[in-house]
Amino acid sequence: MSAFLGHIHYWLYNKIRRVVERENLIYTKAEQKLGPAVDEIRQQVWQTYGEPLPDIDLAELIDQSNIHGWLQRQINIAETREATLIKELLDTYGDEAKTIIEESFEEHGAICGRRAKESNSYNAAGIGGLYKALNDYLLNGMPCDQSDMVTENTSSKLVWEGEVCLQERNWDRAGADFKLMKKFYQRWTTSFVESLNPGFTYRQTADTLTGDKVNRHEFLAK
């Protein structure tokens, strides 16, 4: 990456901030429904991974001498801290926490989908606009990590595949359940797409966790 801050750095920073935003939403909903003991869980997670980044300009936070390394570290921290919070809530509260986490992912996906729609930056009427919006809003590794490939693109269906799920390494650090985390992410993506354009939906049709050679995803016209 460049030795100075540019659009791509802010683009990635904004995606990291959305993970932080979702983590905060999960905590807020859990604390409201499960009680103040949830704060003890969050404090324990923060002791390990630090508090979330403050909502300030990237230039005030980043290590300008190591831009790439700083951004990669923040991806790892944000994804691992969120997954750890989720794991601890599930371990402590079980199905009650699972429902709260599902609701939080769905609500946050809808929030992001509405923001994308209101930005007028995407041709939401076209399926290509949905794919661009998802890539702008979903944190999925560094730009140099991207390996997804579009394999089908029509007016009513877009399919893309990748051999790895880039979040898995951070879920592994947290000791989180991969299958559950994928279901949470799928719920977020479905809500994002349907909020941006109610005429389309999302589904995953292949998963390396179940023995497939690739992860395969689709946008479909309803």
Protein backbone atom coordinates (compact mmCIF):
# COMPACT_ATOMS: atom_id res chain seq x y z
CA MET A 1 0.00 0.00 0.00
CA SER A 2 0.98 3.63 -0.38
CA ALA A 3 3.03 5.50 2.19
CA PHE A 4 0.31 8.16 2.44
CA LEU A 5 -3.39 8.04 3.20
CA GLY A 6 -5.66 7.72 0.20
CA HIS A 7 -9.19 6.69 -0.68
CA ILE A 8 -8.47 2.97 -0.32
CA HIS A 9 -7.25 3.41 3.25
CA TYR A 10 -10.39 5.28 4.30
CA TRP A 11 -12.49 2.73 2.40
CA LEU A 12 -10.95 -0.09 4.46
CA TYR A 13 -11.05 1.88 7.71
CA ASN A 14 -14.78 2.49 7.25
CA LYS A 15 -15.34 -1.25 6.84
CA ILE A 16 -13.40 -1.93 10.03
CA ARG A 17 -15.52 0.67 11.82
CA ARG A 18 -18.69 -1.17 10.74
CA VAL A 19 -17.51 -4.29 12.56
CA VAL A 20 -16.93 -2.13 15.65
CA GLU A 21 -20.40 -0.63 15.22
CA ARG A 22 -21.96 -4.10 15.02
CA GLU A 23 -20.04 -5.28 18.08
CA ASN A 24 -21.39 -2.29 20.01
CA LEU A 25 -24.92 -3.08 18.84
CA ILE A 26 -24.60 -6.69 20.01
CA TYR A 27 -23.37 -5.50 23.40
CA THR A 28 -26.12 -2.88 23.77
CA LYS A 29 -28.90 -5.33 22.93
CA ALA A 30 -27.41 -8.03 25.17
CA GLU A 31 -27.01 -5.64 28.10
CA GLN A 32 -30.59 -4.44 27.73
CA LYS A 33 -32.05 -7.96 27.63
CA LEU A 34 -29.65 -9.96 29.79
CA GLY A 35 -28.64 -7.42 32.42
CA PRO A 36 -25.54 -5.63 33.70
CA ALA A 37 -23.47 -8.82 33.97
CA VAL A 38 -22.95 -8.50 30.21
CA ASP A 39 -20.69 -5.51 30.90
CA GLU A 40 -18.36 -7.80 32.86
CA ILE A 41 -18.05 -10.00 29.78
CA ARG A 42 -17.28 -7.01 27.60
CA GLN A 43 -14.66 -5.73 30.04
CA GLN A 44 -12.93 -9.12 30.01
CA VAL A 45 -12.89 -9.08 26.20
CA TRP A 46 -11.49 -5.55 26.21
CA GLN A 47 -8.73 -6.56 28.62
CA THR A 48 -7.55 -9.04 26.02
CA TYR A 49 -8.07 -7.09 22.79
CA GLY A 50 -8.34 -3.48 23.88
CA GLU A 51 -11.29 -1.14 23.50
CA PRO A 52 -12.79 -0.46 20.06
CA LEU A 53 -11.29 2.32 18.00
CA PRO A 54 -12.75 5.75 18.77
CA ASP A 55 -14.92 7.27 16.06
CA ILE A 56 -12.39 9.82 14.82
CA ASP A 57 -10.57 10.54 11.58
CA LEU A 58 -8.18 7.83 10.40
CA ALA A 59 -5.29 10.29 10.19
CA GLU A 60 -5.47 10.77 13.96
CA LEU A 61 -5.10 7.04 14.67
CA ILE A 62 -3.02 5.32 12.05
CA ASP A 63 0.70 4.61 12.20
CA GLN A 64 1.77 6.57 9.11
CA SER A 65 5.05 4.67 8.97
CA ASN A 66 3.28 1.31 8.68
CA ILE A 67 -0.11 1.91 7.07
CA HIS A 68 -0.56 -1.62 5.71
CA GLY A 69 0.47 -3.28 8.96
CA TRP A 70 -1.73 -1.02 11.07
CA LEU A 71 -4.83 -1.70 8.96
CA GLN A 72 -4.20 -5.45 8.93
CA ARG A 73 -3.84 -5.43 12.71
CA GLN A 74 -7.09 -3.51 13.14
CA ILE A 75 -8.93 -6.04 10.95
CA ASN A 76 -7.63 -8.86 13.11
CA ILE A 77 -8.47 -7.11 16.36
CA ALA A 78 -11.98 -6.01 15.32
CA GLU A 79 -13.02 -9.41 13.96
CA THR A 80 -11.44 -11.37 16.81
CA ARG A 81 -12.87 -9.11 19.52
CA GLU A 82 -16.39 -9.31 18.06
CA ALA A 83 -16.15 -13.10 17.72
CA THR A 84 -14.86 -13.39 21.29
CA LEU A 85 -17.75 -11.32 22.63
CA ILE A 86 -20.16 -13.54 20.70
CA LYS A 87 -18.51 -16.74 22.00
CA GLU A 88 -18.61 -15.55 25.61
CA LEU A 89 -22.25 -14.49 25.35
CA LEU A 90 -23.20 -17.85 23.84
CA ASP A 91 -21.20 -19.77 26.45
CA THR A 92 -22.89 -17.83 29.25
CA TYR A 93 -26.45 -17.37 28.01
CA GLY A 94 -26.95 -20.00 25.30
CA ASP A 95 -29.96 -19.74 23.02
CA GLU A 96 -31.09 -16.47 24.57
CA ALA A 97 -27.83 -14.86 23.48
CA LYS A 98 -28.02 -16.55 20.07
CA THR A 99 -31.35 -14.87 19.39
CA ILE A 100 -29.95 -11.47 20.39
CA ILE A 101 -26.88 -11.92 18.18
CA GLU A 102 -29.01 -12.99 15.19
CA GLU A 103 -31.24 -9.94 15.67
CA SER A 104 -28.19 -7.68 15.93
CA PHE A 105 -26.63 -8.97 12.70
CA GLU A 106 -29.94 -8.63 10.89
CA GLU A 107 -30.55 -5.10 12.22
CA HIS A 108 -27.03 -3.96 11.42
CA GLY A 109 -27.24 -5.39 7.91
CA ALA A 110 -30.44 -3.43 7.37
CA ILE A 111 -28.86 -0.24 8.72
CA CYS A 112 -25.93 -0.59 6.32
CA GLY A 113 -28.22 -1.46 3.42
CA ARG A 114 -30.29 1.67 4.00
CA ARG A 115 -27.14 3.79 4.19
CA ALA A 116 -25.94 2.36 0.90
CA LYS A 117 -29.32 3.09 -0.66
CA GLU A 118 -29.45 6.64 0.68
CA SER A 119 -25.92 7.35 -0.59
CA ASN A 120 -27.09 7.02 -4.21
CA SER A 121 -23.65 5.61 -4.96
CA TYR A 122 -24.92 2.32 -6.36
CA ASN A 123 -27.27 1.36 -9.12
CA ALA A 124 -29.37 -0.73 -6.77
CA ALA A 125 -31.73 -1.57 -9.62
CA GLY A 126 -28.89 -3.55 -11.21
CA ILE A 127 -27.36 -6.64 -9.69
CA GLY A 128 -23.82 -5.34 -10.26
CA GLY A 129 -24.58 -2.40 -7.99
CA LEU A 130 -25.51 -4.80 -5.19
CA TYR A 131 -22.19 -6.61 -5.53
CA LYS A 132 -20.21 -3.37 -5.48
CA ALA A 133 -22.14 -2.17 -2.43
CA LEU A 134 -21.48 -5.42 -0.56
CA ASN A 135 -17.76 -5.13 -1.26
CA ASP A 136 -17.82 -1.55 0.01
CA TYR A 137 -19.62 -2.41 3.26
CA LEU A 138 -18.55 -5.95 4.23
CA LEU A 139 -15.10 -6.29 5.79
CA ASN A 140 -13.43 -9.15 3.94
CA GLY A 141 -9.71 -8.94 4.49
CA MET A 142 -7.21 -6.58 2.90
CA PRO A 143 -7.61 -5.64 -0.77
CA CYS A 144 -4.57 -7.79 -1.57
CA ASP A 145 -6.28 -10.79 0.07
CA GLN A 146 -9.26 -10.77 -2.27
CA SER A 147 -9.68 -14.01 -4.20
CA ASP A 148 -13.41 -14.09 -4.96
CA MET A 149 -14.36 -14.54 -8.61
CA VAL A 150 -17.69 -13.79 -10.27
CA THR A 151 -18.70 -16.92 -12.20
CA GLU A 152 -22.16 -15.90 -13.41
CA ASN A 153 -23.63 -12.45 -13.99
CA THR A 154 -27.06 -11.90 -15.50
CA SER A 155 -29.81 -9.39 -14.84
CA SER A 156 -31.45 -11.76 -12.34
CA LYS A 157 -28.56 -13.73 -10.86
CA LEU A 158 -24.97 -13.10 -9.82
CA VAL A 159 -22.74 -15.88 -8.49
CA TRP A 160 -19.29 -15.53 -6.95
CA GLU A 161 -16.89 -18.07 -5.48
CA GLY A 162 -13.84 -18.11 -3.24
CA GLU A 163 -11.70 -20.87 -1.80
CA VAL A 164 -11.31 -19.31 1.64
CA CYS A 165 -13.37 -17.39 4.18
CA LEU A 166 -11.01 -14.62 5.26
CA GLN A 167 -12.71 -14.16 8.63
CA GLU A 168 -12.09 -17.74 9.72
CA ARG A 169 -8.55 -17.16 10.99
CA ASN A 170 -9.84 -14.53 13.42
CA TRP A 171 -12.81 -16.64 14.45
CA ASP A 172 -10.29 -19.39 15.18
CA ARG A 173 -8.29 -17.06 17.42
CA ALA A 174 -11.48 -16.35 19.35
CA GLY A 175 -12.43 -20.02 19.61
CA ALA A 176 -15.78 -19.18 18.00
CA ASP A 177 -18.05 -21.68 16.27
CA PHE A 178 -17.36 -21.30 12.53
CA LYS A 179 -20.77 -22.58 11.44
CA LEU A 180 -22.60 -20.18 13.73
CA MET A 181 -20.45 -17.24 12.69
CA LYS A 182 -21.14 -17.99 9.03
CA LYS A 183 -24.87 -18.11 9.74
CA PHE A 184 -24.66 -14.73 11.48
CA TYR A 185 -22.79 -13.26 8.50
CA GLN A 186 -25.29 -14.76 6.07
CA ARG A 187 -28.08 -13.14 8.05
CA TRP A 188 -26.28 -9.79 7.86
CA THR A 189 -25.75 -10.12 4.10
CA THR A 190 -29.36 -11.10 3.41
CA SER A 191 -30.62 -8.14 5.42
CA PHE A 192 -28.14 -5.78 3.73
CA VAL A 193 -29.16 -6.83 0.21
CA GLU A 194 -32.90 -6.82 0.86
CA SER A 195 -32.71 -3.38 2.49
CA LEU A 196 -30.72 -1.98 -0.42
CA ASN A 197 -32.97 -3.58 -3.04
CA PRO A 198 -36.04 -5.58 -1.89
CA GLY A 199 -36.25 -7.14 -5.35
CA PHE A 200 -33.18 -9.31 -4.66
CA THR A 201 -32.06 -11.72 -1.99
CA TYR A 202 -28.85 -13.56 -1.04
CA ARG A 203 -27.97 -17.16 -0.33
CA GLN A 204 -24.86 -19.30 0.08
CA THR A 205 -24.97 -22.53 -1.92
CA ALA A 206 -21.56 -24.09 -1.23
CA ASP A 207 -19.31 -24.01 1.82
CA THR A 208 -15.85 -25.42 2.43
CA LEU A 209 -16.96 -26.25 5.99
CA THR A 210 -19.31 -28.88 4.62
CA GLY A 211 -16.81 -30.46 2.24
CA ASP A 212 -17.26 -28.30 -0.84
CA LYS A 213 -14.15 -27.09 -2.64
CA VAL A 214 -15.35 -23.48 -2.70
CA ASN A 215 -17.58 -21.03 -0.89
CA ARG A 216 -20.28 -20.08 -3.40
CA HIS A 217 -22.63 -17.11 -2.95
CA GLU A 218 -25.54 -15.80 -5.01
CA PHE A 219 -27.69 -12.74 -5.46
CA LEU A 220 -31.06 -13.73 -6.89
CA ALA A 221 -34.04 -11.77 -8.14
CA LYS A 222 -37.12 -12.62 -6.09
